[in-house]
Amino acid sequence: MAGILVAVFWAILVSFIAVVLVRLAQVLKATTKLVADVTEQAVPLLADASTTVRSARTQLDRVDAIASDVQEVTSNASALSSTVASTFGGPLVKVAAFGYGVRKALGRAGGTPEEPPRKSSRRTVIVGRTVPTPRRRKQKG
C-alpha cells in the first residue's frame, strides 16, 4: 500500500511539474514574440530619432553661424556709428553754435527789415518787489 501511495504521489508531482513546464514554455514563447515585436518597432524609431538629432544639430550649426554674423554686423555698426559721431559730431556742433551766435547777433542788431529792433526787457527793481516794464501794443500791418 505504501508503494501505491508513493507511486500516486509521484504521478501527481510529475503531472504538476509537467503543467508548470508547459505554462513556462508558453510564457517564454510569448516573451520571445514580444521582444521581437519591440525590436521591429524600436529600430525604425531609433533611426528616426537619429535623423531628428542630426537635423537639429545642422539647424543649431546654422543658428550659431547666423548669431556670429549678427554679432559681427553689430560690432561693425557700432564702429561706424562712433566713426560718424567723431567725424561729423564736432563740426556739426560748431556749425550749430555759430548759427545760434549769428541769430543772436542779428536779433540784437535790429532783426529783419520788416521788424524793428527789439528792446531788451528790463525790469525795474524797487526794494522788496519787481515792477514789470509796460507792454507794447501790437501793430497791425
N, C-alpha and C. Protein backbone atom coordinates (compact mmCIF):
# COMPACT_ATOMS: atom_id res chain seq x y z
N MET A 1 0.81 -1.17 0.00
CA MET A 1 0.00 0.00 0.00
C MET A 1 0.87 1.26 0.00
N ALA A 2 1.98 1.20 0.67
CA ALA A 2 2.89 2.34 0.70
C ALA A 2 3.47 2.59 -0.68
N GLY A 3 3.68 1.52 -1.44
CA GLY A 3 4.23 1.67 -2.78
C GLY A 3 3.24 2.36 -3.71
N ILE A 4 1.95 1.98 -3.57
CA ILE A 4 0.92 2.60 -4.41
C ILE A 4 0.78 4.07 -4.03
N LEU A 5 0.84 4.36 -2.75
CA LEU A 5 0.73 5.74 -2.30
C LEU A 5 1.90 6.59 -2.83
N VAL A 6 3.09 6.06 -2.79
CA VAL A 6 4.26 6.78 -3.31
C VAL A 6 4.13 6.94 -4.81
N ALA A 7 3.67 5.91 -5.53
CA ALA A 7 3.51 5.99 -6.98
C ALA A 7 2.47 7.04 -7.35
N VAL A 8 1.37 7.12 -6.61
CA VAL A 8 0.33 8.13 -6.88
C VAL A 8 0.90 9.53 -6.60
N PHE A 9 1.64 9.64 -5.49
CA PHE A 9 2.24 10.94 -5.17
C PHE A 9 3.19 11.39 -6.27
N TRP A 10 4.04 10.45 -6.76
CA TRP A 10 4.96 10.80 -7.84
C TRP A 10 4.21 11.13 -9.13
N ALA A 11 3.13 10.47 -9.40
CA ALA A 11 2.35 10.76 -10.61
C ALA A 11 1.75 12.17 -10.52
N ILE A 12 1.23 12.52 -9.33
CA ILE A 12 0.67 13.88 -9.15
C ILE A 12 1.79 14.91 -9.27
N LEU A 13 2.94 14.62 -8.66
CA LEU A 13 4.07 15.56 -8.71
C LEU A 13 4.57 15.74 -10.14
N VAL A 14 4.69 14.65 -10.88
CA VAL A 14 5.14 14.74 -12.28
C VAL A 14 4.12 15.49 -13.11
N SER A 15 2.82 15.26 -12.88
CA SER A 15 1.78 15.99 -13.62
C SER A 15 1.85 17.49 -13.32
N PHE A 16 2.03 17.82 -12.05
CA PHE A 16 2.13 19.22 -11.65
C PHE A 16 3.35 19.87 -12.30
N ILE A 17 4.49 19.20 -12.28
CA ILE A 17 5.71 19.74 -12.90
C ILE A 17 5.53 19.86 -14.41
N ALA A 18 4.85 18.92 -15.04
CA ALA A 18 4.61 18.98 -16.49
C ALA A 18 3.74 20.19 -16.83
N VAL A 19 2.69 20.43 -16.01
CA VAL A 19 1.83 21.60 -16.26
C VAL A 19 2.63 22.89 -16.10
N VAL A 20 3.45 22.95 -15.06
CA VAL A 20 4.28 24.15 -14.83
C VAL A 20 5.24 24.35 -16.00
N LEU A 21 5.86 23.30 -16.48
CA LEU A 21 6.80 23.41 -17.60
C LEU A 21 6.09 23.85 -18.88
N VAL A 22 4.88 23.35 -19.12
CA VAL A 22 4.11 23.76 -20.30
C VAL A 22 3.77 25.25 -20.22
N ARG A 23 3.32 25.66 -19.03
CA ARG A 23 3.00 27.09 -18.85
C ARG A 23 4.26 27.96 -19.01
N LEU A 24 5.38 27.49 -18.47
CA LEU A 24 6.63 28.24 -18.59
C LEU A 24 7.05 28.34 -20.05
N ALA A 25 6.86 27.29 -20.82
CA ALA A 25 7.18 27.31 -22.25
C ALA A 25 6.29 28.32 -22.98
N GLN A 26 5.00 28.38 -22.61
CA GLN A 26 4.10 29.37 -23.23
C GLN A 26 4.54 30.81 -22.89
N VAL A 27 4.92 31.03 -21.63
CA VAL A 27 5.38 32.38 -21.22
C VAL A 27 6.65 32.75 -21.97
N LEU A 28 7.59 31.83 -22.11
CA LEU A 28 8.83 32.11 -22.83
C LEU A 28 8.56 32.39 -24.31
N LYS A 29 7.62 31.64 -24.89
CA LYS A 29 7.26 31.87 -26.30
C LYS A 29 6.64 33.26 -26.47
N ALA A 30 5.72 33.67 -25.55
CA ALA A 30 5.10 34.99 -25.62
C ALA A 30 6.13 36.09 -25.40
N THR A 31 7.07 35.86 -24.48
CA THR A 31 8.12 36.85 -24.22
C THR A 31 9.02 37.00 -25.45
N THR A 32 9.35 35.92 -26.09
CA THR A 32 10.17 35.96 -27.30
C THR A 32 9.46 36.75 -28.40
N LYS A 33 8.16 36.49 -28.57
CA LYS A 33 7.39 37.22 -29.59
C LYS A 33 7.33 38.70 -29.25
N LEU A 34 7.12 39.05 -27.96
CA LEU A 34 7.05 40.44 -27.54
C LEU A 34 8.38 41.16 -27.78
N VAL A 35 9.49 40.52 -27.47
CA VAL A 35 10.81 41.12 -27.71
C VAL A 35 11.04 41.32 -29.20
N ALA A 36 10.62 40.37 -30.02
CA ALA A 36 10.78 40.50 -31.47
C ALA A 36 9.95 41.68 -31.99
N ASP A 37 8.72 41.82 -31.50
CA ASP A 37 7.87 42.94 -31.93
C ASP A 37 8.46 44.29 -31.49
N VAL A 38 8.93 44.34 -30.26
CA VAL A 38 9.54 45.59 -29.77
C VAL A 38 10.77 45.93 -30.60
N THR A 39 11.56 44.94 -30.92
CA THR A 39 12.76 45.18 -31.73
C THR A 39 12.38 45.69 -33.12
N GLU A 40 11.34 45.12 -33.71
CA GLU A 40 10.90 45.56 -35.03
C GLU A 40 10.44 47.03 -35.00
N GLN A 41 9.79 47.44 -33.92
CA GLN A 41 9.29 48.81 -33.83
C GLN A 41 10.36 49.78 -33.33
N ALA A 42 11.29 49.29 -32.52
CA ALA A 42 12.29 50.18 -31.94
C ALA A 42 13.36 50.57 -32.96
N VAL A 43 13.71 49.69 -33.85
CA VAL A 43 14.77 50.01 -34.82
C VAL A 43 14.38 51.18 -35.70
N PRO A 44 13.16 51.22 -36.31
CA PRO A 44 12.80 52.40 -37.10
C PRO A 44 12.69 53.67 -36.24
N LEU A 45 12.19 53.51 -35.00
CA LEU A 45 12.09 54.68 -34.11
C LEU A 45 13.46 55.24 -33.79
N LEU A 46 14.43 54.37 -33.55
CA LEU A 46 15.79 54.83 -33.28
C LEU A 46 16.40 55.49 -34.52
N ALA A 47 16.09 54.96 -35.69
CA ALA A 47 16.59 55.58 -36.92
C ALA A 47 15.99 56.97 -37.10
N ASP A 48 14.66 57.11 -36.83
CA ASP A 48 14.02 58.43 -36.91
C ASP A 48 14.59 59.39 -35.88
N ALA A 49 14.82 58.90 -34.68
CA ALA A 49 15.39 59.76 -33.63
C ALA A 49 16.79 60.22 -34.03
N SER A 50 17.56 59.33 -34.60
CA SER A 50 18.91 59.69 -35.04
C SER A 50 18.86 60.74 -36.14
N THR A 51 17.93 60.58 -37.08
CA THR A 51 17.76 61.57 -38.15
C THR A 51 17.35 62.92 -37.58
N THR A 52 16.45 62.91 -36.61
CA THR A 52 15.99 64.15 -35.99
C THR A 52 17.13 64.85 -35.25
N VAL A 53 17.94 64.08 -34.55
CA VAL A 53 19.08 64.67 -33.84
C VAL A 53 20.08 65.28 -34.81
N ARG A 54 20.32 64.60 -35.92
CA ARG A 54 21.24 65.15 -36.93
C ARG A 54 20.69 66.45 -37.52
N SER A 55 19.38 66.46 -37.80
CA SER A 55 18.75 67.66 -38.34
C SER A 55 18.82 68.81 -37.34
N ALA A 56 18.56 68.51 -36.07
CA ALA A 56 18.64 69.55 -35.04
C ALA A 56 20.07 70.08 -34.92
N ARG A 57 21.04 69.20 -35.02
CA ARG A 57 22.44 69.64 -34.96
C ARG A 57 22.77 70.56 -36.14
N THR A 58 22.29 70.20 -37.32
CA THR A 58 22.51 71.05 -38.50
C THR A 58 21.88 72.42 -38.30
N GLN A 59 20.64 72.44 -37.79
CA GLN A 59 19.96 73.71 -37.56
C GLN A 59 20.69 74.54 -36.51
N LEU A 60 21.18 73.90 -35.46
CA LEU A 60 21.93 74.62 -34.43
C LEU A 60 23.23 75.20 -34.99
N ASP A 61 23.88 74.47 -35.89
CA ASP A 61 25.08 75.00 -36.53
C ASP A 61 24.73 76.23 -37.36
N ARG A 62 23.60 76.19 -38.07
CA ARG A 62 23.17 77.36 -38.85
C ARG A 62 22.85 78.54 -37.95
N VAL A 63 22.15 78.27 -36.86
CA VAL A 63 21.81 79.35 -35.92
C VAL A 63 23.09 79.95 -35.32
N ASP A 64 24.06 79.12 -35.03
CA ASP A 64 25.33 79.61 -34.50
C ASP A 64 26.02 80.50 -35.52
N ALA A 65 26.01 80.09 -36.78
CA ALA A 65 26.62 80.91 -37.83
C ALA A 65 25.89 82.25 -37.97
N ILE A 66 24.56 82.21 -37.91
CA ILE A 66 23.77 83.45 -38.02
C ILE A 66 24.06 84.36 -36.83
N ALA A 67 24.14 83.79 -35.64
CA ALA A 67 24.41 84.60 -34.45
C ALA A 67 25.79 85.24 -34.52
N SER A 68 26.78 84.53 -35.02
CA SER A 68 28.11 85.13 -35.15
C SER A 68 28.10 86.22 -36.21
N ASP A 69 27.34 86.03 -37.30
CA ASP A 69 27.23 87.09 -38.31
C ASP A 69 26.54 88.32 -37.74
N VAL A 70 25.49 88.11 -36.95
CA VAL A 70 24.79 89.24 -36.34
C VAL A 70 25.71 89.98 -35.38
N GLN A 71 26.51 89.25 -34.64
CA GLN A 71 27.46 89.88 -33.72
C GLN A 71 28.48 90.71 -34.50
N GLU A 72 28.95 90.19 -35.62
CA GLU A 72 29.90 90.93 -36.44
C GLU A 72 29.26 92.20 -37.02
N VAL A 73 28.02 92.07 -37.49
CA VAL A 73 27.31 93.25 -38.04
C VAL A 73 27.11 94.29 -36.95
N THR A 74 26.77 93.84 -35.75
CA THR A 74 26.56 94.76 -34.63
C THR A 74 27.85 95.51 -34.30
N SER A 75 28.95 94.80 -34.26
CA SER A 75 30.22 95.46 -33.95
C SER A 75 30.60 96.43 -35.08
N ASN A 76 30.33 96.06 -36.34
CA ASN A 76 30.60 96.97 -37.46
C ASN A 76 29.73 98.22 -37.39
N ALA A 77 28.44 98.03 -37.04
CA ALA A 77 27.55 99.18 -36.93
C ALA A 77 27.98 100.09 -35.79
N SER A 78 28.44 99.51 -34.70
CA SER A 78 28.91 100.31 -33.57
C SER A 78 30.15 101.10 -33.97
N ALA A 79 31.06 100.45 -34.67
CA ALA A 79 32.27 101.15 -35.13
C ALA A 79 31.91 102.26 -36.10
N LEU A 80 30.98 102.00 -37.01
CA LEU A 80 30.56 103.02 -37.97
C LEU A 80 29.89 104.19 -37.26
N SER A 81 29.07 103.89 -36.27
CA SER A 81 28.39 104.94 -35.52
C SER A 81 29.38 105.83 -34.79
N SER A 82 30.36 105.22 -34.14
CA SER A 82 31.35 106.04 -33.43
C SER A 82 32.21 106.83 -34.40
N THR A 83 32.50 106.24 -35.58
CA THR A 83 33.28 106.98 -36.59
C THR A 83 32.50 108.18 -37.11
N VAL A 84 31.23 107.99 -37.42
CA VAL A 84 30.40 109.09 -37.91
C VAL A 84 30.26 110.16 -36.83
N ALA A 85 30.07 109.74 -35.58
CA ALA A 85 29.91 110.70 -34.49
C ALA A 85 31.18 111.51 -34.31
N SER A 86 32.34 110.86 -34.39
CA SER A 86 33.58 111.60 -34.19
C SER A 86 33.91 112.46 -35.41
N THR A 87 33.52 112.01 -36.60
CA THR A 87 33.85 112.77 -37.81
C THR A 87 32.93 113.98 -37.99
N PHE A 88 31.62 113.75 -37.86
CA PHE A 88 30.67 114.82 -38.12
C PHE A 88 30.15 115.50 -36.86
N GLY A 89 30.27 114.86 -35.73
CA GLY A 89 29.70 115.41 -34.50
C GLY A 89 30.30 116.73 -34.09
N GLY A 90 31.61 116.80 -34.03
CA GLY A 90 32.28 118.04 -33.63
C GLY A 90 31.98 119.19 -34.57
N PRO A 91 32.18 119.01 -35.88
CA PRO A 91 31.88 120.12 -36.80
C PRO A 91 30.41 120.53 -36.79
N LEU A 92 29.49 119.59 -36.66
CA LEU A 92 28.08 119.95 -36.62
C LEU A 92 27.75 120.77 -35.39
N VAL A 93 28.35 120.43 -34.28
CA VAL A 93 28.12 121.21 -33.06
C VAL A 93 28.67 122.62 -33.25
N LYS A 94 29.82 122.73 -33.88
CA LYS A 94 30.42 124.06 -34.11
C LYS A 94 29.55 124.88 -35.06
N VAL A 95 29.03 124.25 -36.12
CA VAL A 95 28.17 124.98 -37.06
C VAL A 95 26.89 125.41 -36.36
N ALA A 96 26.32 124.55 -35.54
CA ALA A 96 25.10 124.91 -34.83
C ALA A 96 25.36 126.05 -33.85
N ALA A 97 26.48 126.02 -33.17
CA ALA A 97 26.82 127.10 -32.25
C ALA A 97 27.04 128.40 -33.00
N PHE A 98 27.70 128.31 -34.16
CA PHE A 98 27.93 129.51 -34.96
C PHE A 98 26.60 130.08 -35.45
N GLY A 99 25.70 129.21 -35.91
CA GLY A 99 24.38 129.68 -36.36
C GLY A 99 23.60 130.33 -35.24
N TYR A 100 23.67 129.75 -34.06
CA TYR A 100 22.99 130.33 -32.90
C TYR A 100 23.58 131.71 -32.58
N GLY A 101 24.90 131.81 -32.63
CA GLY A 101 25.55 133.11 -32.37
C GLY A 101 25.16 134.15 -33.39
N VAL A 102 25.09 133.74 -34.67
CA VAL A 102 24.70 134.69 -35.72
C VAL A 102 23.27 135.14 -35.51
N ARG A 103 22.36 134.24 -35.18
CA ARG A 103 20.97 134.63 -34.92
C ARG A 103 20.87 135.58 -33.75
N LYS A 104 21.60 135.30 -32.70
CA LYS A 104 21.58 136.19 -31.54
C LYS A 104 22.11 137.56 -31.91
N ALA A 105 23.20 137.58 -32.68
CA ALA A 105 23.79 138.86 -33.06
C ALA A 105 22.84 139.65 -33.96
N LEU A 106 22.20 138.97 -34.89
CA LEU A 106 21.25 139.66 -35.76
C LEU A 106 20.03 140.12 -34.97
N GLY A 107 19.63 139.36 -34.00
CA GLY A 107 18.48 139.73 -33.17
C GLY A 107 18.78 140.98 -32.35
N ARG A 108 19.97 141.14 -31.86
CA ARG A 108 20.34 142.33 -31.08
C ARG A 108 20.57 143.52 -31.97
N ALA A 109 21.09 143.27 -33.17
CA ALA A 109 21.43 144.38 -34.06
C ALA A 109 20.22 145.03 -34.68
N GLY A 110 19.14 144.36 -34.76
CA GLY A 110 17.99 145.03 -35.35
C GLY A 110 17.04 144.11 -36.04
N GLY A 111 17.40 142.86 -36.24
CA GLY A 111 16.47 141.91 -36.83
C GLY A 111 16.32 142.09 -38.32
N THR A 112 15.16 141.81 -38.82
CA THR A 112 14.88 141.89 -40.25
C THR A 112 14.33 143.27 -40.58
N PRO A 113 14.31 143.65 -41.85
CA PRO A 113 13.81 144.98 -42.22
C PRO A 113 12.34 145.18 -41.87
N GLU A 114 11.53 144.12 -41.86
CA GLU A 114 10.11 144.28 -41.55
C GLU A 114 9.89 144.48 -40.06
N GLU A 115 10.82 144.03 -39.26
CA GLU A 115 10.64 144.03 -37.81
C GLU A 115 11.60 145.05 -37.19
N PRO A 116 11.11 145.92 -36.36
CA PRO A 116 12.00 146.90 -35.74
C PRO A 116 12.91 146.21 -34.73
N PRO A 117 13.99 146.86 -34.36
CA PRO A 117 14.90 146.25 -33.39
C PRO A 117 14.19 146.00 -32.06
N ARG A 118 14.55 144.92 -31.45
CA ARG A 118 13.93 144.58 -30.17
C ARG A 118 14.67 145.28 -29.04
N LYS A 119 13.87 145.67 -28.08
CA LYS A 119 14.48 146.22 -26.88
C LYS A 119 14.57 145.10 -25.87
N SER A 120 15.59 145.15 -25.11
CA SER A 120 15.70 144.11 -24.09
C SER A 120 14.68 144.39 -23.00
N SER A 121 14.09 143.36 -22.52
CA SER A 121 13.07 143.56 -21.50
C SER A 121 13.77 143.70 -20.16
N ARG A 122 13.70 144.91 -19.61
CA ARG A 122 14.30 145.18 -18.31
C ARG A 122 13.21 145.33 -17.30
N ARG A 123 13.53 145.01 -16.12
CA ARG A 123 12.59 145.20 -15.03
C ARG A 123 13.21 146.15 -14.02
N THR A 124 12.38 147.00 -13.55
CA THR A 124 12.85 147.93 -12.53
C THR A 124 12.67 147.27 -11.18
N VAL A 125 13.71 147.30 -10.41
CA VAL A 125 13.64 146.67 -9.10
C VAL A 125 13.51 147.76 -8.04
N ILE A 126 12.45 147.66 -7.30
CA ILE A 126 12.26 148.53 -6.15
C ILE A 126 12.47 147.64 -4.94
N VAL A 127 13.04 148.16 -3.94
CA VAL A 127 13.39 147.34 -2.80
C VAL A 127 12.16 146.55 -2.35
N GLY A 128 12.30 145.25 -2.41
CA GLY A 128 11.23 144.39 -1.93
C GLY A 128 10.30 143.88 -3.01
N ARG A 129 10.27 144.49 -4.22
CA ARG A 129 9.39 143.96 -5.27
C ARG A 129 9.91 144.32 -6.65
N THR A 130 9.39 143.62 -7.67
CA THR A 130 9.81 143.82 -9.05
C THR A 130 8.66 144.43 -9.81
N VAL A 131 8.97 145.45 -10.61
CA VAL A 131 7.95 146.11 -11.40
C VAL A 131 8.22 145.78 -12.86
N PRO A 132 7.26 145.18 -13.56
CA PRO A 132 7.50 144.84 -14.97
C PRO A 132 7.46 146.09 -15.84
N THR A 133 8.11 145.99 -17.02
CA THR A 133 8.09 147.10 -17.98
C THR A 133 6.72 147.16 -18.62
N PRO A 134 6.31 148.35 -19.08
CA PRO A 134 4.99 148.45 -19.73
C PRO A 134 4.98 147.64 -21.02
N ARG A 135 3.82 147.07 -21.33
CA ARG A 135 3.68 146.26 -22.53
C ARG A 135 3.38 147.14 -23.73
N ARG A 136 3.94 146.73 -24.86
CA ARG A 136 3.68 147.46 -26.09
C ARG A 136 2.43 146.92 -26.76
N ARG A 137 1.76 147.78 -27.47
CA ARG A 137 0.62 147.32 -28.27
C ARG A 137 1.13 146.70 -29.55
N LYS A 138 0.43 145.69 -30.00
CA LYS A 138 0.81 145.05 -31.26
C LYS A 138 0.36 145.94 -32.41
N GLN A 139 1.24 146.11 -33.37
CA GLN A 139 0.91 146.95 -34.52
C GLN A 139 0.31 146.08 -35.61
N LYS A 140 -0.75 146.60 -36.24
CA LYS A 140 -1.36 145.89 -37.34
C LYS A 140 -0.60 146.25 -38.59
N GLY A 141 -0.49 145.25 -39.45
CA GLY A 141 0.15 145.74 -40.58
C GLY A 141 0.71 144.92 -41.54
